[in-house]
């Protein structure tokens, strides 16, 4: 179950090439209707459906007498561990973050959970599919990101209007699709960053009534610009697993705290400073892998710092 038909098609193609027979739905209403008559060895569920739809569907699956024992593979987000753990406790069998969901990994885990004997092992076609996805992604990525950046700027101009809400939905779906394709194609760094943006957008859409703050929109735009750099530099390969040390510099204590929690979720080692002078002292004392810097600060602004 994935509400993005393009994403569902990618997963379906890889699974069918590996010997699975598949059926997919891209609408939660259709998924709820299909449950009473569903006969499956495995259910793959996108946990990142808008408005918590993925979790609600999981609860319905486990409440259905015919699906109580059917294995459920959750496609999740590494930056939302609390949501993933909640879904696993509610009946999910295994969670696979999109950023780690390569074609071969999806097929391997699906075979384990389905508990069905396959006459063939992994075939060359899986590698060919991943390479094809990678080539398509690299060929089209720059243009897609330019369009996404334009959509982000458009949203920033009309964040709290109906037009802005529609624009934000488009941005979220675009980022989700990018995250899924990058994971399947083995473009780990693109998958990792787009997953972080997806988590930020998901969290906002799930709980917020108004528009995103100016600071959040700036973060979104800068994230898209970083994705553009990854594509233009060719630096799209596997993400490095080491625990990077990050210095957060923002005179807004709430923003600093939120960013610190988010980075810890993603297994980073964040250090926060609300005073630019204190940040300079911290930089002189130790090495950091990344600095996240607010522009509008006192007594020294971000540019001066």
Protein backbone atom coordinates (compact mmCIF):
# COMPACT_ATOMS: atom_id res chain seq x y z
CA UNK A 1 0.00 0.00 0.00
CA UNK A 2 1.47 3.31 -1.16
CA UNK A 3 -0.60 6.35 -2.09
CA UNK A 4 1.96 7.36 -4.73
CA UNK A 5 1.26 5.12 -7.73
CA UNK A 6 4.68 5.87 -9.25
CA UNK A 7 6.43 4.65 -6.10
CA UNK A 8 4.19 1.58 -5.90
CA UNK A 9 5.05 0.77 -9.52
CA UNK A 10 8.78 0.80 -8.71
CA UNK A 11 8.38 -1.58 -5.78
CA UNK A 12 6.03 -3.80 -7.79
CA UNK A 13 8.45 -4.06 -10.71
CA UNK A 14 11.32 -5.17 -8.49
CA UNK A 15 9.22 -7.71 -6.55
CA UNK A 16 7.65 -9.25 -9.65
CA UNK A 17 11.06 -9.54 -11.27
CA UNK A 18 12.11 -11.54 -8.19
CA UNK A 19 9.19 -13.98 -8.54
CA UNK A 20 6.46 -12.38 -6.42
CA UNK A 21 2.87 -12.00 -7.55
CA UNK A 22 1.73 -8.55 -6.48
CA UNK A 23 -1.37 -6.46 -6.07
CA UNK A 24 -1.30 -2.83 -5.01
CA UNK A 25 -3.66 -0.05 -3.98
CA UNK A 26 -2.86 3.66 -3.83
CA UNK A 27 -5.90 4.83 -1.89
CA UNK A 28 -6.56 4.14 1.80
CA UNK A 29 -10.29 3.73 1.17
CA UNK A 30 -9.58 0.99 -1.36
CA UNK A 31 -7.16 -0.63 1.08
CA UNK A 32 -9.76 -0.75 3.85
CA UNK A 33 -12.32 -2.24 1.44
CA UNK A 34 -9.88 -4.89 0.22
CA UNK A 35 -8.92 -6.19 3.68
CA UNK A 36 -11.87 -8.57 4.33
CA UNK A 37 -11.23 -10.52 1.12
CA UNK A 38 -7.46 -10.21 1.01
CA UNK A 39 -5.35 -13.36 0.77
CA UNK A 40 -1.64 -12.54 0.94
CA UNK A 41 1.64 -13.97 2.20
CA UNK A 42 2.99 -10.47 2.87
CA UNK A 43 1.67 -6.92 3.16
CA UNK A 44 4.03 -4.03 2.43
CA UNK A 45 2.69 -0.83 3.98
CA UNK A 46 3.95 2.72 3.60
CA UNK A 47 3.95 4.12 7.12
CA UNK A 48 4.40 7.65 5.80
CA UNK A 49 0.90 8.10 4.40
CA UNK A 50 -0.44 11.64 5.07
CA UNK A 51 -2.37 12.34 8.29
CA UNK A 52 -1.31 9.11 9.98
CA UNK A 53 -3.12 6.92 7.46
CA UNK A 54 -0.41 4.27 7.48
CA UNK A 55 -0.77 3.64 11.22
CA UNK A 56 -4.57 3.51 11.00
CA UNK A 57 -4.36 0.98 8.19
CA UNK A 58 -1.95 -1.16 10.21
CA UNK A 59 -4.40 -1.21 13.12
CA UNK A 60 -7.18 -2.27 10.74
CA UNK A 61 -5.00 -5.08 9.36
CA UNK A 62 -4.36 -6.48 12.83
CA UNK A 63 -8.04 -6.11 13.78
CA UNK A 64 -9.12 -8.22 10.80
CA UNK A 65 -9.40 -11.90 11.75
CA UNK A 66 -7.94 -13.05 8.41
CA UNK A 67 -4.90 -10.77 8.62
CA UNK A 68 -3.84 -11.21 12.24
CA UNK A 69 -0.90 -13.41 11.28
CA UNK A 70 -0.06 -11.94 7.86
CA UNK A 71 3.49 -10.50 7.97
CA UNK A 72 3.60 -6.72 7.52
CA UNK A 73 6.70 -4.94 6.24
CA UNK A 74 6.65 -1.23 7.09
CA UNK A 75 8.35 1.27 4.80
CA UNK A 76 9.40 3.86 7.35
CA UNK A 77 11.61 6.88 7.92
CA UNK A 78 14.87 6.70 9.89
CA UNK A 79 14.24 10.23 11.22
CA UNK A 80 10.95 9.28 12.90
CA UNK A 81 11.95 6.39 15.20
CA UNK A 82 9.10 6.98 17.68
CA UNK A 83 6.51 6.50 14.92
CA UNK A 84 8.30 3.37 13.70
CA UNK A 85 8.50 1.83 17.19
CA UNK A 86 4.82 2.59 17.77
CA UNK A 87 3.92 0.82 14.52
CA UNK A 88 6.06 -2.21 15.37
CA UNK A 89 4.32 -2.50 18.74
CA UNK A 90 0.95 -2.24 16.96
CA UNK A 91 1.71 -5.31 14.85
CA UNK A 92 4.29 -4.50 12.20
CA UNK A 93 6.81 -7.32 11.73
CA UNK A 94 9.76 -5.31 10.42
CA UNK A 95 10.49 -1.73 9.43
CA UNK A 96 12.70 -0.77 6.51
CA UNK A 97 13.65 2.91 6.20
CA UNK A 98 13.28 4.23 2.66
CA UNK A 99 16.85 5.52 2.76
CA UNK A 100 18.04 1.91 3.19
CA UNK A 101 15.44 0.31 0.92
CA UNK A 102 17.56 -0.79 -2.02
CA UNK A 103 15.96 -3.12 -4.52
CA UNK A 104 17.96 -6.11 -3.28
CA UNK A 105 17.22 -5.32 0.39
CA UNK A 106 13.48 -5.03 -0.28
CA UNK A 107 13.45 -8.37 -2.09
CA UNK A 108 15.58 -10.13 0.53
CA UNK A 109 13.45 -8.98 3.48
CA UNK A 110 10.21 -9.69 1.60
CA UNK A 111 11.35 -13.28 0.98
CA UNK A 112 12.21 -13.75 4.65
CA UNK A 113 8.88 -12.42 5.90
CA UNK A 114 6.69 -14.14 3.31
CA UNK A 115 8.12 -17.54 4.26
CA UNK A 116 7.59 -18.82 0.73
CA UNK A 117 10.08 -20.95 -1.16
CA UNK A 118 11.41 -19.35 -4.34
CA UNK A 119 12.90 -21.51 -7.09
CA UNK A 120 15.51 -18.87 -7.89
CA UNK A 121 17.90 -16.79 -5.87
CA UNK A 122 18.51 -13.08 -6.54
CA UNK A 123 19.01 -12.57 -10.25
CA UNK A 124 21.06 -10.25 -12.38
CA UNK A 125 17.85 -8.44 -13.21
CA UNK A 126 17.76 -6.91 -9.74
CA UNK A 127 21.13 -5.23 -10.29
CA UNK A 128 20.05 -4.10 -13.74
CA UNK A 129 16.85 -2.60 -12.31
CA UNK A 130 18.82 -0.70 -9.66
CA UNK A 131 21.24 0.61 -12.28
CA UNK A 132 18.38 1.69 -14.51
CA UNK A 133 16.74 3.53 -11.61
CA UNK A 134 20.05 5.18 -10.75
CA UNK A 135 20.63 6.35 -14.32
CA UNK A 136 17.11 7.77 -14.61
CA UNK A 137 17.44 9.50 -11.26
CA UNK A 138 20.79 11.09 -12.12
CA UNK A 139 19.63 12.13 -15.59
CA UNK A 140 16.44 13.81 -14.36
CA UNK A 141 17.38 14.80 -10.82
CA UNK A 142 18.65 18.32 -11.50
CA UNK A 143 15.53 19.37 -13.41
CA UNK A 144 13.24 17.81 -10.81
CA UNK A 145 15.01 19.59 -7.98
CA UNK A 146 14.85 22.92 -9.81
CA UNK A 147 11.07 22.46 -10.07
CA UNK A 148 10.89 21.42 -6.40
CA UNK A 149 12.85 24.50 -5.32
CA UNK A 150 10.48 26.71 -7.32
CA UNK A 151 7.54 25.02 -5.58
CA UNK A 152 9.15 25.67 -2.18
CA UNK A 153 9.61 29.36 -2.97
CA UNK A 154 6.03 29.51 -4.21
CA UNK A 155 4.87 27.99 -0.94
CA UNK A 156 6.91 30.52 1.04
CA UNK A 157 4.97 33.35 -0.63
CA UNK A 158 1.55 31.91 0.21
CA UNK A 159 2.18 29.59 3.15
CA UNK A 160 -1.07 30.11 5.05
CA UNK A 161 -3.45 30.22 2.08
CA UNK A 162 -5.33 27.36 0.42
CA UNK A 163 -2.90 27.65 -2.49
CA UNK A 164 -0.04 27.28 -0.01
CA UNK A 165 -1.55 24.12 1.50
CA UNK A 166 -1.90 22.57 -1.96
CA UNK A 167 1.68 23.54 -2.76
CA UNK A 168 2.94 21.93 0.46
CA UNK A 169 1.18 18.66 -0.41
CA UNK A 170 2.93 18.67 -3.79
CA UNK A 171 6.28 19.31 -2.10
CA UNK A 172 5.73 16.44 0.34
CA UNK A 173 4.74 13.95 -2.36
CA UNK A 174 7.71 14.99 -4.51
CA UNK A 175 10.17 14.54 -1.64
CA UNK A 176 8.63 11.15 -0.74
CA UNK A 177 8.99 9.91 -4.31
CA UNK A 178 12.59 11.14 -4.47
CA UNK A 179 13.39 9.35 -1.19
CA UNK A 180 11.89 6.08 -2.46
CA UNK A 181 13.68 6.18 -5.83
CA UNK A 182 17.02 7.16 -4.29
CA UNK A 183 16.79 4.28 -1.82
CA UNK A 184 15.96 1.72 -4.51
CA UNK A 185 18.73 3.08 -6.75
CA UNK A 186 21.35 2.88 -4.01
CA UNK A 187 21.91 6.66 -3.96
CA UNK A 188 22.32 6.67 -0.18
CA UNK A 189 23.25 10.32 0.37
CA UNK A 190 20.29 11.56 -1.67
CA UNK A 191 17.98 9.10 0.10
CA UNK A 192 19.28 10.17 3.52
CA UNK A 193 18.81 13.90 2.97
CA UNK A 194 15.45 13.59 1.22
CA UNK A 195 14.27 11.32 4.06
CA UNK A 196 15.20 14.03 6.57
CA UNK A 197 13.15 16.57 4.61
CA UNK A 198 10.30 14.07 4.32
CA UNK A 199 10.28 13.61 8.11
CA UNK A 200 10.17 17.36 8.69
CA UNK A 201 7.27 17.77 6.26
CA UNK A 202 5.40 14.73 7.59
CA UNK A 203 5.68 15.98 11.16
CA UNK A 204 4.37 19.38 10.11
CA UNK A 205 1.46 18.02 8.04
CA UNK A 206 0.47 15.67 10.86
CA UNK A 207 0.24 18.24 13.62
CA UNK A 208 0.11 21.78 12.24
CA UNK A 209 -2.93 23.83 11.30
CA UNK A 210 -1.14 26.90 10.02
CA UNK A 211 1.69 27.34 7.58
CA UNK A 212 5.33 26.49 8.16
CA UNK A 213 7.43 29.14 9.88
CA UNK A 214 9.81 31.29 7.85
CA UNK A 215 12.73 29.47 9.45
CA UNK A 216 11.30 26.06 8.47
CA UNK A 217 10.74 27.19 4.89
CA UNK A 218 14.35 28.41 4.75
CA UNK A 219 15.52 25.03 6.05
CA UNK A 220 13.45 23.30 3.38
CA UNK A 221 14.87 25.45 0.58
CA UNK A 222 18.43 24.97 1.85
CA UNK A 223 17.84 21.22 2.01
CA UNK A 224 16.74 21.20 -1.62
CA UNK A 225 19.83 23.27 -2.53
CA UNK A 226 22.00 20.65 -0.80
CA UNK A 227 20.29 17.96 -2.86
CA UNK A 228 21.06 19.99 -5.99
CA UNK A 229 24.72 20.07 -4.95
CA UNK A 230 24.78 16.30 -4.44
CA UNK A 231 23.52 15.78 -7.98
CA UNK A 232 25.75 18.41 -9.60
CA UNK A 233 28.87 17.11 -7.81
CA UNK A 234 28.05 13.46 -8.46
CA UNK A 235 28.26 12.83 -4.71
CA UNK A 236 25.19 10.58 -4.52
CA UNK A 237 26.67 7.26 -3.32
CA UNK A 238 26.19 5.38 -0.05
CA UNK A 239 25.75 7.48 3.08
CA UNK A 240 28.54 7.29 5.65
CA UNK A 241 27.37 5.50 8.82
CA UNK A 242 29.72 7.27 11.24
CA UNK A 243 28.30 9.52 13.95
CA UNK A 244 28.99 13.07 12.80
CA UNK A 245 29.43 15.93 15.28
CA UNK A 246 27.19 18.94 14.55
CA UNK A 247 27.31 22.44 16.01
CA UNK A 248 23.91 24.17 16.19
CA UNK A 249 24.02 27.97 16.46
CA UNK A 250 20.68 29.74 16.94
CA UNK A 251 19.66 32.40 19.44
CA UNK A 252 16.14 30.89 19.50
CA UNK A 253 16.29 28.29 22.30
CA UNK A 254 13.18 26.45 21.07
CA UNK A 255 14.54 26.06 17.54
CA UNK A 256 17.88 24.89 18.93
CA UNK A 257 16.14 22.28 21.07
CA UNK A 258 13.97 20.97 18.23
CA UNK A 259 16.97 20.66 15.90
CA UNK A 260 19.01 18.96 18.61
CA UNK A 261 16.30 16.32 19.20
CA UNK A 262 15.93 15.72 15.45
CA UNK A 263 19.68 15.22 15.00
CA UNK A 264 19.91 12.84 17.94
CA UNK A 265 17.09 10.80 16.40
CA UNK A 266 19.22 10.48 13.26
CA UNK A 267 22.25 9.31 15.29
CA UNK A 268 24.19 12.56 15.05
CA UNK A 269 26.12 14.10 17.95
CA UNK A 270 24.73 17.66 18.26
CA UNK A 271 26.15 20.49 20.39
CA UNK A 272 24.03 23.65 20.62
CA UNK A 273 24.99 27.25 21.34
CA UNK A 274 22.59 30.19 21.53
CA UNK A 275 25.36 32.82 21.59
CA UNK A 276 27.52 33.33 18.46
CA UNK A 277 30.57 34.22 20.58
CA UNK A 278 30.20 30.97 22.54
CA UNK A 279 29.93 29.14 19.20
CA UNK A 280 33.28 30.58 18.09
CA UNK A 281 34.87 29.39 21.34
CA UNK A 282 33.38 25.90 20.79
CA UNK A 283 34.77 25.82 17.24
CA UNK A 284 38.24 26.74 18.50
CA UNK A 285 38.14 24.03 21.13
CA UNK A 286 37.09 21.10 18.93
CA UNK A 287 36.42 19.84 15.41
CA UNK A 288 32.91 19.62 13.97
CA UNK A 289 31.70 17.85 10.83
CA UNK A 290 28.91 20.35 10.20
CA UNK A 291 27.69 23.72 11.46
CA UNK A 292 23.98 24.60 11.27
CA UNK A 293 23.83 28.36 11.47
CA UNK A 294 21.01 30.85 11.93
CA UNK A 295 21.50 34.05 9.93
CA UNK A 296 19.52 36.49 12.11
CA UNK A 297 21.32 36.58 15.48
CA UNK A 298 22.76 39.05 17.96
CA UNK A 299 25.32 40.33 18.87
CA UNK A 300 26.83 38.79 15.75
CA UNK A 301 24.74 37.66 12.81
CA UNK A 302 25.27 34.44 10.91
CA UNK A 303 27.13 36.06 8.02
CA UNK A 304 29.61 37.69 10.40
CA UNK A 305 30.06 34.42 12.27
